[in-house]
């Protein structure tokens, strides 16, 4: 069945289910970044990581969470709606940014 609407909570539930199925695969997906151009960097919701030089084409990269957060948006401080949690070394869970939680 194709879903035409997905809530942020459903997305986080799926990410956590996938993490339980194969932690190594999910860590690799979340930690993999690919280069992106200035147009991508300038998009209002896609989240990218800028390199040391800070220029949009110098070493900007994007990963899976940057794309997902582009779909679900960011909080007032610019943090993505979906957070990845790590212990000292490993990915442990995904959650919804507190601002996105129902009051």
C-alpha atoms as a PDB file:
ATOM      1  CA  UNK A   1       0.000   0.000   0.000  1.00  0.00           C
ATOM      2  CA  UNK A   2       1.332   3.431  -0.964  1.00  0.00           C
ATOM      3  CA  UNK A   3       0.949   6.123   1.675  1.00  0.00           C
ATOM      4  CA  UNK A   4       0.185   9.605   0.407  1.00  0.00           C
ATOM      5  CA  UNK A   5       0.701  11.169   3.813  1.00  0.00           C
ATOM      6  CA  UNK A   6       3.236  10.234   6.477  1.00  0.00           C
ATOM      7  CA  UNK A   7       3.547  11.875   9.863  1.00  0.00           C
ATOM      8  CA  UNK A   8       6.876  12.692  11.415  1.00  0.00           C
ATOM      9  CA  UNK A   9       6.061  10.154  14.131  1.00  0.00           C
ATOM     10  CA  UNK A  10       5.576   7.405  11.542  1.00  0.00           C
ATOM     11  CA  UNK A  11       8.894   8.332   9.934  1.00  0.00           C
ATOM     12  CA  UNK A  12      10.709   8.179  13.298  1.00  0.00           C
ATOM     13  CA  UNK A  13       9.026   4.856  14.136  1.00  0.00           C
ATOM     14  CA  UNK A  14      10.245   3.402  10.839  1.00  0.00           C
ATOM     15  CA  UNK A  15      13.779   4.713  11.384  1.00  0.00           C
ATOM     16  CA  UNK A  16      13.854   3.140  14.854  1.00  0.00           C
ATOM     17  CA  UNK A  17      12.461  -0.148  13.521  1.00  0.00           C
ATOM     18  CA  UNK A  18      15.133  -0.194  10.804  1.00  0.00           C
ATOM     19  CA  UNK A  19      17.787   0.565  13.427  1.00  0.00           C
ATOM     20  CA  UNK A  20      16.670  -2.483  15.430  1.00  0.00           C
ATOM     21  CA  UNK A  21      16.804  -4.657  12.304  1.00  0.00           C
ATOM     22  CA  UNK A  22      20.289  -3.596  11.189  1.00  0.00           C
ATOM     23  CA  UNK A  23      22.190  -1.077  13.256  1.00  0.00           C
ATOM     24  CA  UNK A  24      25.278  -1.193  11.044  1.00  0.00           C
ATOM     25  CA  UNK A  25      23.285  -0.405   7.910  1.00  0.00           C
ATOM     26  CA  UNK A  26      21.439   2.475   9.545  1.00  0.00           C
ATOM     27  CA  UNK A  27      24.643   3.933  10.972  1.00  0.00           C
ATOM     28  CA  UNK A  28      26.245   3.770   7.544  1.00  0.00           C
ATOM     29  CA  UNK A  29      23.240   5.463   5.929  1.00  0.00           C
ATOM     30  CA  UNK A  30      23.014   8.231   8.515  1.00  0.00           C
ATOM     31  CA  UNK A  31      26.748   8.892   8.549  1.00  0.00           C
ATOM     32  CA  UNK A  32      27.208   8.851   4.775  1.00  0.00           C
ATOM     33  CA  UNK A  33      27.360  12.311   3.255  1.00  0.00           C
ATOM     34  CA  UNK A  34      27.668  13.295  -0.373  1.00  0.00           C
ATOM     35  CA  UNK A  35      28.871  16.589  -1.853  1.00  0.00           C
ATOM     36  CA  UNK A  36      26.203  19.113  -2.800  1.00  0.00           C
ATOM     37  CA  UNK A  37      26.250  22.397  -4.698  1.00  0.00           C
ATOM     38  CA  UNK A  38      25.353  25.985  -3.797  1.00  0.00           C
ATOM     39  CA  UNK A  39      21.776  25.617  -5.052  1.00  0.00           C
ATOM     40  CA  UNK A  40      21.275  22.676  -2.692  1.00  0.00           C
ATOM     41  CA  UNK A  41      22.860  24.610   0.192  1.00  0.00           C
ATOM     42  CA  UNK A  42      20.517  27.525  -0.498  1.00  0.00           C
ATOM     43  CA  UNK A  43      17.353  25.448  -0.274  1.00  0.00           C
ATOM     44  CA  UNK A  44      15.189  26.719   2.601  1.00  0.00           C
ATOM     45  CA  UNK A  45      14.596  23.355   4.322  1.00  0.00           C
ATOM     46  CA  UNK A  46      17.224  20.841   3.193  1.00  0.00           C
ATOM     47  CA  UNK A  47      19.894  20.541   5.855  1.00  0.00           C
ATOM     48  CA  UNK A  48      23.517  20.416   4.786  1.00  0.00           C
ATOM     49  CA  UNK A  49      26.824  20.347   6.580  1.00  0.00           C
ATOM     50  CA  UNK A  50      29.294  23.032   5.601  1.00  0.00           C
ATOM     51  CA  UNK A  51      33.018  22.370   5.739  1.00  0.00           C
ATOM     52  CA  UNK A  52      35.646  24.423   7.504  1.00  0.00           C
ATOM     53  CA  UNK A  53      35.840  26.974   4.711  1.00  0.00           C
ATOM     54  CA  UNK A  54      32.106  27.668   4.979  1.00  0.00           C
ATOM     55  CA  UNK A  55      31.629  28.388   1.287  1.00  0.00           C
ATOM     56  CA  UNK A  56      28.567  26.809  -0.303  1.00  0.00           C
ATOM     57  CA  UNK A  57      30.556  24.834  -2.870  1.00  0.00           C
ATOM     58  CA  UNK A  58      33.761  24.327  -0.871  1.00  0.00           C
ATOM     59  CA  UNK A  59      32.835  21.197   1.034  1.00  0.00           C
ATOM     60  CA  UNK A  60      29.093  21.175   1.600  1.00  0.00           C
ATOM     61  CA  UNK A  61      27.612  17.719   2.095  1.00  0.00           C
ATOM     62  CA  UNK A  62      24.194  16.211   2.699  1.00  0.00           C
ATOM     63  CA  UNK A  63      23.035  12.935   4.207  1.00  0.00           C
ATOM     64  CA  UNK A  64      19.860  10.968   4.783  1.00  0.00           C
ATOM     65  CA  UNK A  65      18.741  13.023   7.789  1.00  0.00           C
ATOM     66  CA  UNK A  66      19.343  16.253   5.897  1.00  0.00           C
ATOM     67  CA  UNK A  67      16.863  15.104   3.257  1.00  0.00           C
ATOM     68  CA  UNK A  68      14.301  13.826   5.786  1.00  0.00           C
ATOM     69  CA  UNK A  69      14.567  17.040   7.747  1.00  0.00           C
ATOM     70  CA  UNK A  70      14.042  18.916   4.500  1.00  0.00           C
ATOM     71  CA  UNK A  71      10.671  17.205   4.300  1.00  0.00           C
ATOM     72  CA  UNK A  72       9.648  17.748   7.932  1.00  0.00           C
ATOM     73  CA  UNK A  73      11.330  21.098   8.584  1.00  0.00           C
ATOM     74  CA  UNK A  74      13.401  22.605  11.376  1.00  0.00           C
ATOM     75  CA  UNK A  75      12.784  24.254  14.725  1.00  0.00           C
ATOM     76  CA  UNK A  76      13.318  27.942  15.514  1.00  0.00           C
ATOM     77  CA  UNK A  77      17.041  27.329  16.108  1.00  0.00           C
ATOM     78  CA  UNK A  78      17.502  25.516  12.812  1.00  0.00           C
ATOM     79  CA  UNK A  79      17.680  21.973  14.206  1.00  0.00           C
ATOM     80  CA  UNK A  80      15.973  19.334  12.108  1.00  0.00           C
ATOM     81  CA  UNK A  81      12.637  17.873  13.129  1.00  0.00           C
ATOM     82  CA  UNK A  82      14.204  14.396  13.347  1.00  0.00           C
ATOM     83  CA  UNK A  83      17.163  13.855  15.649  1.00  0.00           C
ATOM     84  CA  UNK A  84      19.658  11.001  15.619  1.00  0.00           C
ATOM     85  CA  UNK A  85      20.912  10.021  19.078  1.00  0.00           C
ATOM     86  CA  UNK A  86      24.300   8.503  19.776  1.00  0.00           C
ATOM     87  CA  UNK A  87      25.918   7.056  22.857  1.00  0.00           C
ATOM     88  CA  UNK A  88      29.654   7.477  23.039  1.00  0.00           C
ATOM     89  CA  UNK A  89      30.225   5.484  19.836  1.00  0.00           C
ATOM     90  CA  UNK A  90      27.030   4.183  18.255  1.00  0.00           C
ATOM     91  CA  UNK A  91      23.707   5.332  16.877  1.00  0.00           C
ATOM     92  CA  UNK A  92      21.081   4.454  19.492  1.00  0.00           C
ATOM     93  CA  UNK A  93      17.751   5.962  18.402  1.00  0.00           C
ATOM     94  CA  UNK A  94      15.830   8.554  16.437  1.00  0.00           C
ATOM     95  CA  UNK A  95      13.343  10.998  17.923  1.00  0.00           C
ATOM     96  CA  UNK A  96      11.209  14.007  17.091  1.00  0.00           C
ATOM     97  CA  UNK A  97      12.621  17.394  18.087  1.00  0.00           C
ATOM     98  CA  UNK A  98      10.829  18.527  21.260  1.00  0.00           C
ATOM     99  CA  UNK A  99       9.303  21.570  19.558  1.00  0.00           C
ATOM    100  CA  UNK A 100       7.464  19.180  17.221  1.00  0.00           C
ATOM    101  CA  UNK A 101       5.887  17.177  20.059  1.00  0.00           C
ATOM    102  CA  UNK A 102       2.224  17.889  20.821  1.00  0.00           C
ATOM    103  CA  UNK A 103       1.774  20.094  23.885  1.00  0.00           C
END
